[in-house]
Every structure is written in structure tokens, then in C-alpha cells.
């Protein structure tokens, strides 16, 4: 499984799971991990894990870069 994850670096939208797709827009909108967790009914730690994987898969380092990527290359 780790090999599959390594292959996902910078792969973009097609590599995201359904839950990561649920998390990506609130993160790009600048919402806090705590707010996202409450909104989705999951733990803040789970949001942090999804956020880290989203950054990796989308090939970005922070929420500002993620917002730019989501705006310029919207979900197919």
C-alpha cells in the first residue's frame, strides 16, 4: 500500500478518496480543522491526516497553494 501512496504524489484529483474530496474544499476555503471536523462529524486528527494526504496528492505545500490549485484546476 505504501508504494501506491508514493505513486500518488502530485497525481491530483484522480488520486483523492471520497472523504478527501469532502475535506478539500473547506480546507481550500480556509476553514479550520476544528470547524471541518465538526461539520463532517469526524475527529480533528482525522481532518489533519486527510489534509496532509490532500496536500501530498495535489502536489502543494499549504492551503494557499491548494486554493489556487482548486480554483485553476477544478474537480473534473
N, C-alpha and C. Protein backbone atom coordinates (compact mmCIF):
# COMPACT_ATOMS: atom_id res chain seq x y z
N UNK A 1 0.82 -1.19 0.00
CA UNK A 1 0.00 0.00 0.00
C UNK A 1 0.86 1.25 0.00
N UNK A 2 1.99 1.23 0.66
CA UNK A 2 2.84 2.40 0.70
C UNK A 2 3.33 2.77 -0.69
N UNK A 3 3.61 1.79 -1.53
CA UNK A 3 4.04 2.06 -2.90
C UNK A 3 2.95 2.82 -3.65
N UNK A 4 1.69 2.40 -3.46
CA UNK A 4 0.57 3.07 -4.11
C UNK A 4 0.50 4.53 -3.65
N UNK A 5 0.69 4.77 -2.36
CA UNK A 5 0.66 6.13 -1.83
C UNK A 5 1.78 6.96 -2.44
N UNK A 6 2.96 6.39 -2.57
CA UNK A 6 4.09 7.11 -3.16
C UNK A 6 3.80 7.48 -4.60
N UNK A 7 3.08 6.63 -5.31
CA UNK A 7 2.73 6.91 -6.70
C UNK A 7 1.74 8.06 -6.82
N UNK A 8 1.07 8.41 -5.72
CA UNK A 8 0.03 9.44 -5.74
C UNK A 8 0.58 10.86 -5.64
N UNK A 9 1.87 11.02 -5.36
CA UNK A 9 2.43 12.36 -5.19
C UNK A 9 2.14 13.22 -6.43
N UNK A 10 1.45 14.31 -6.21
CA UNK A 10 1.15 15.24 -7.29
C UNK A 10 0.19 14.70 -8.33
N UNK A 11 -0.51 13.61 -8.03
CA UNK A 11 -1.40 12.99 -9.01
C UNK A 11 -2.69 13.78 -9.23
N UNK A 12 -3.03 14.65 -8.29
CA UNK A 12 -4.20 15.49 -8.45
C UNK A 12 -5.50 14.82 -8.07
N UNK A 13 -6.58 15.36 -8.63
CA UNK A 13 -7.94 14.94 -8.26
C UNK A 13 -8.17 13.44 -8.35
N UNK A 14 -7.63 12.79 -9.36
CA UNK A 14 -7.93 11.37 -9.57
C UNK A 14 -7.42 10.48 -8.44
N UNK A 15 -6.46 10.96 -7.67
CA UNK A 15 -5.89 10.17 -6.58
C UNK A 15 -6.63 10.35 -5.26
N UNK A 16 -7.53 11.32 -5.17
CA UNK A 16 -8.22 11.60 -3.92
C UNK A 16 -9.32 10.59 -3.63
N UNK A 17 -9.46 10.25 -2.35
CA UNK A 17 -10.56 9.39 -1.91
C UNK A 17 -11.83 10.24 -1.79
N UNK A 18 -12.95 9.59 -1.62
CA UNK A 18 -14.22 10.31 -1.46
C UNK A 18 -14.17 11.24 -0.25
N UNK A 19 -13.62 10.78 0.86
CA UNK A 19 -13.54 11.62 2.06
C UNK A 19 -12.58 12.79 1.87
N UNK A 20 -11.47 12.54 1.17
CA UNK A 20 -10.54 13.64 0.88
C UNK A 20 -11.22 14.69 0.01
N UNK A 21 -12.10 14.26 -0.89
CA UNK A 21 -12.87 15.21 -1.71
C UNK A 21 -13.84 16.02 -0.84
N UNK A 22 -14.34 15.41 0.23
CA UNK A 22 -15.21 16.13 1.17
C UNK A 22 -14.43 17.20 1.92
N UNK A 23 -13.16 16.93 2.19
CA UNK A 23 -12.33 17.80 3.02
C UNK A 23 -11.64 18.90 2.20
N UNK A 24 -11.36 18.65 0.93
CA UNK A 24 -10.52 19.56 0.15
C UNK A 24 -11.11 20.96 0.01
N UNK A 25 -12.41 21.07 -0.23
CA UNK A 25 -13.00 22.39 -0.44
C UNK A 25 -13.00 23.24 0.83
N UNK A 26 -13.41 22.70 1.99
CA UNK A 26 -13.31 23.51 3.21
C UNK A 26 -11.87 23.93 3.53
N UNK A 27 -10.91 23.07 3.28
CA UNK A 27 -9.50 23.43 3.51
C UNK A 27 -9.12 24.57 2.58
N UNK A 28 -9.48 24.45 1.30
CA UNK A 28 -9.15 25.49 0.32
C UNK A 28 -9.85 26.80 0.64
N UNK A 29 -11.01 26.73 1.30
CA UNK A 29 -11.75 27.93 1.69
C UNK A 29 -11.18 28.57 2.95
N UNK A 30 -10.19 27.91 3.57
CA UNK A 30 -9.55 28.46 4.75
C UNK A 30 -10.22 28.10 6.07
N UNK A 31 -11.14 27.15 6.05
CA UNK A 31 -11.81 26.74 7.29
C UNK A 31 -10.83 25.99 8.17
N UNK A 32 -11.01 26.11 9.47
CA UNK A 32 -10.11 25.46 10.42
C UNK A 32 -10.38 23.95 10.48
N UNK A 33 -9.36 23.22 10.89
CA UNK A 33 -9.51 21.77 11.05
C UNK A 33 -10.63 21.45 12.03
N UNK A 34 -10.73 22.23 13.09
CA UNK A 34 -11.76 22.01 14.10
C UNK A 34 -13.15 22.19 13.49
N UNK A 35 -13.33 23.26 12.71
CA UNK A 35 -14.62 23.52 12.07
C UNK A 35 -14.98 22.40 11.09
N UNK A 36 -14.00 21.99 10.28
CA UNK A 36 -14.23 20.91 9.30
C UNK A 36 -14.62 19.62 10.03
N UNK A 37 -13.92 19.33 11.12
CA UNK A 37 -14.22 18.12 11.90
C UNK A 37 -15.66 18.15 12.41
N UNK A 38 -16.07 19.27 12.96
CA UNK A 38 -17.44 19.39 13.46
C UNK A 38 -18.45 19.28 12.32
N UNK A 39 -18.16 19.92 11.21
CA UNK A 39 -19.05 19.92 10.06
C UNK A 39 -19.25 18.51 9.49
N UNK A 40 -18.16 17.71 9.45
CA UNK A 40 -18.22 16.38 8.86
C UNK A 40 -18.45 15.26 9.88
N UNK A 41 -18.43 15.61 11.16
CA UNK A 41 -18.65 14.60 12.19
C UNK A 41 -17.50 13.63 12.35
N UNK A 42 -16.27 14.13 12.17
CA UNK A 42 -15.07 13.31 12.33
C UNK A 42 -14.13 14.02 13.29
N UNK A 43 -13.09 13.34 13.73
CA UNK A 43 -12.16 13.95 14.68
C UNK A 43 -11.24 14.95 13.98
N UNK A 44 -10.72 15.88 14.78
CA UNK A 44 -9.80 16.87 14.24
C UNK A 44 -8.53 16.17 13.72
N UNK A 45 -8.10 15.14 14.41
CA UNK A 45 -6.90 14.39 13.98
C UNK A 45 -7.13 13.75 12.62
N UNK A 46 -8.34 13.26 12.37
CA UNK A 46 -8.67 12.66 11.07
C UNK A 46 -8.62 13.73 9.98
N UNK A 47 -9.13 14.92 10.28
CA UNK A 47 -9.06 16.02 9.32
C UNK A 47 -7.60 16.35 9.02
N UNK A 48 -6.75 16.40 10.05
CA UNK A 48 -5.33 16.68 9.86
C UNK A 48 -4.69 15.64 8.94
N UNK A 49 -5.05 14.38 9.13
CA UNK A 49 -4.49 13.31 8.30
C UNK A 49 -4.96 13.46 6.84
N UNK A 50 -6.25 13.72 6.66
CA UNK A 50 -6.77 13.92 5.30
C UNK A 50 -6.08 15.12 4.64
N UNK A 51 -5.94 16.18 5.39
CA UNK A 51 -5.32 17.41 4.88
C UNK A 51 -3.89 17.13 4.40
N UNK A 52 -3.13 16.40 5.19
CA UNK A 52 -1.75 16.07 4.82
C UNK A 52 -1.72 15.24 3.53
N UNK A 53 -2.62 14.26 3.42
CA UNK A 53 -2.66 13.44 2.21
C UNK A 53 -3.12 14.24 1.00
N UNK A 54 -4.06 15.16 1.20
CA UNK A 54 -4.53 16.02 0.11
C UNK A 54 -3.38 16.88 -0.41
N UNK A 55 -2.64 17.51 0.50
CA UNK A 55 -1.51 18.34 0.08
C UNK A 55 -0.52 17.51 -0.74
N UNK A 56 -0.23 16.30 -0.26
CA UNK A 56 0.70 15.42 -0.94
C UNK A 56 0.20 15.06 -2.34
N UNK A 57 -1.05 14.61 -2.41
CA UNK A 57 -1.61 14.16 -3.68
C UNK A 57 -1.81 15.30 -4.67
N UNK A 58 -2.10 16.49 -4.17
CA UNK A 58 -2.32 17.64 -5.06
C UNK A 58 -1.00 18.35 -5.38
N UNK A 59 0.09 17.93 -4.74
CA UNK A 59 1.41 18.50 -5.03
C UNK A 59 1.57 19.92 -4.53
N UNK A 60 0.96 20.23 -3.36
CA UNK A 60 1.06 21.57 -2.79
C UNK A 60 1.63 21.47 -1.38
N UNK A 61 2.05 22.63 -0.85
CA UNK A 61 2.66 22.65 0.47
C UNK A 61 1.81 23.35 1.53
N UNK A 62 0.82 24.12 1.09
CA UNK A 62 -0.01 24.84 2.07
C UNK A 62 -1.40 25.10 1.51
N UNK A 63 -2.27 25.65 2.36
CA UNK A 63 -3.66 25.87 1.97
C UNK A 63 -3.81 26.93 0.88
N UNK A 64 -2.92 27.90 0.85
CA UNK A 64 -2.98 28.93 -0.20
C UNK A 64 -2.70 28.30 -1.56
N UNK A 65 -1.67 27.47 -1.64
CA UNK A 65 -1.38 26.78 -2.90
C UNK A 65 -2.53 25.85 -3.27
N UNK A 66 -3.13 25.20 -2.27
CA UNK A 66 -4.26 24.32 -2.54
C UNK A 66 -5.43 25.10 -3.10
N UNK A 67 -5.73 26.26 -2.51
CA UNK A 67 -6.83 27.09 -3.01
C UNK A 67 -6.59 27.50 -4.45
N UNK A 68 -5.36 27.86 -4.76
CA UNK A 68 -5.02 28.24 -6.14
C UNK A 68 -5.23 27.06 -7.08
N UNK A 69 -4.81 25.89 -6.67
CA UNK A 69 -4.95 24.68 -7.49
C UNK A 69 -6.43 24.33 -7.70
N UNK A 70 -7.21 24.43 -6.65
CA UNK A 70 -8.65 24.10 -6.76
C UNK A 70 -9.35 25.09 -7.68
N UNK A 71 -8.96 26.36 -7.63
CA UNK A 71 -9.58 27.38 -8.48
C UNK A 71 -9.14 27.26 -9.94
N UNK A 72 -7.88 26.97 -10.18
CA UNK A 72 -7.38 26.93 -11.56
C UNK A 72 -7.61 25.59 -12.23
N UNK A 73 -7.69 24.52 -11.43
CA UNK A 73 -7.93 23.18 -11.97
C UNK A 73 -9.06 22.53 -11.19
N UNK A 74 -10.30 22.95 -11.42
CA UNK A 74 -11.42 22.40 -10.64
C UNK A 74 -11.60 20.91 -10.84
N UNK A 75 -12.31 20.33 -9.91
CA UNK A 75 -12.59 18.89 -9.93
C UNK A 75 -13.24 18.49 -11.25
N UNK A 76 -12.72 17.45 -11.88
CA UNK A 76 -13.29 17.02 -13.16
C UNK A 76 -14.67 16.41 -13.01
